Amino acid sequence: MPSTNKSTIAENMKKYRNKMGISQDRLSKLADITYNTIIKIESGANKNPTIETLSKIAKALAVGVDDLIK
């Protein structure tokens, strides 16, 4: 099965972020993660963020980690 350019995590992050109506910059502050890290994950440059990073993002987006990775 061919994979898309962006990872599932990137797609889901963007989806939940847009649903909340917040910017990448706002998400980085809410999750206490650098803005650059958010950009890298959403752009697909970082396809395997650490579980700690994912947990912070999931918490900031008010979703579970599994919601981001499925």
Protein backbone atom coordinates (compact mmCIF):
# COMPACT_ATOMS: atom_id res chain seq x y z
CA MET A 1 0.00 0.00 0.00
CA PRO A 2 1.63 3.29 -1.02
CA SER A 3 2.01 5.82 1.75
CA THR A 4 0.97 9.41 1.33
CA ASN A 5 3.47 12.26 1.49
CA LYS A 6 2.23 13.30 4.89
CA SER A 7 2.00 10.94 7.79
CA THR A 8 -1.25 10.05 9.51
CA ILE A 9 -0.02 11.98 12.54
CA ALA A 10 0.46 15.11 10.43
CA GLU A 11 -3.00 14.82 8.89
CA ASN A 12 -4.70 14.21 12.24
CA MET A 13 -2.81 16.99 14.01
CA LYS A 14 -3.91 19.46 11.37
CA LYS A 15 -7.50 18.18 11.47
CA TYR A 16 -7.83 18.54 15.25
CA ARG A 17 -5.96 21.85 15.28
CA ASN A 18 -8.28 23.29 12.63
CA LYS A 19 -11.28 21.92 14.51
CA MET A 20 -10.15 23.90 17.56
CA GLY A 21 -9.42 26.91 15.39
CA ILE A 22 -5.87 27.39 16.64
CA SER A 23 -2.65 28.19 14.79
CA GLN A 24 0.50 26.08 14.79
CA ASP A 25 2.10 28.75 16.97
CA ARG A 26 -0.77 28.56 19.49
CA LEU A 27 -0.56 24.75 19.54
CA SER A 28 3.18 24.91 20.20
CA LYS A 29 2.53 27.13 23.23
CA LEU A 30 -0.35 25.00 24.54
CA ALA A 31 1.69 21.81 24.15
CA ASP A 32 4.92 23.41 25.43
CA ILE A 33 6.75 22.24 22.31
CA THR A 34 8.82 24.38 19.97
CA TYR A 35 7.02 25.92 17.01
CA ASN A 36 9.62 24.34 14.76
CA THR A 37 8.74 20.86 16.04
CA ILE A 38 5.04 21.42 15.30
CA ILE A 39 5.88 22.55 11.75
CA LYS A 40 8.17 19.55 11.18
CA ILE A 41 5.54 17.08 12.35
CA GLU A 42 2.68 18.69 10.40
CA SER A 43 4.72 18.99 7.23
CA GLY A 44 5.70 15.34 7.46
CA ALA A 45 9.41 16.12 7.90
CA ASN A 46 9.26 14.39 11.29
CA LYS A 47 7.18 11.25 10.79
CA ASN A 48 8.10 9.69 14.15
CA PRO A 49 7.78 12.19 16.98
CA THR A 50 8.55 10.88 20.46
CA ILE A 51 5.72 9.57 22.59
CA GLU A 52 6.34 12.44 25.01
CA THR A 53 5.86 14.96 22.18
CA LEU A 54 2.74 13.17 20.97
CA SER A 55 1.31 13.11 24.49
CA LYS A 56 1.80 16.87 24.88
CA ILE A 57 0.20 17.56 21.49
CA ALA A 58 -2.72 15.22 22.19
CA LYS A 59 -3.32 16.86 25.57
CA ALA A 60 -3.21 20.35 24.01
CA LEU A 61 -5.71 19.24 21.36
CA ALA A 62 -7.90 17.50 23.97
CA VAL A 63 -7.65 14.14 22.18
CA GLY A 64 -5.97 10.83 22.94
CA VAL A 65 -2.58 9.86 21.50
CA ASP A 66 -4.37 7.06 19.63
CA ASP A 67 -6.53 9.70 17.90
CA LEU A 68 -3.35 11.18 16.44
CA ILE A 69 -1.75 7.94 15.28
CA LYS A 70 -4.77 6.13 13.79
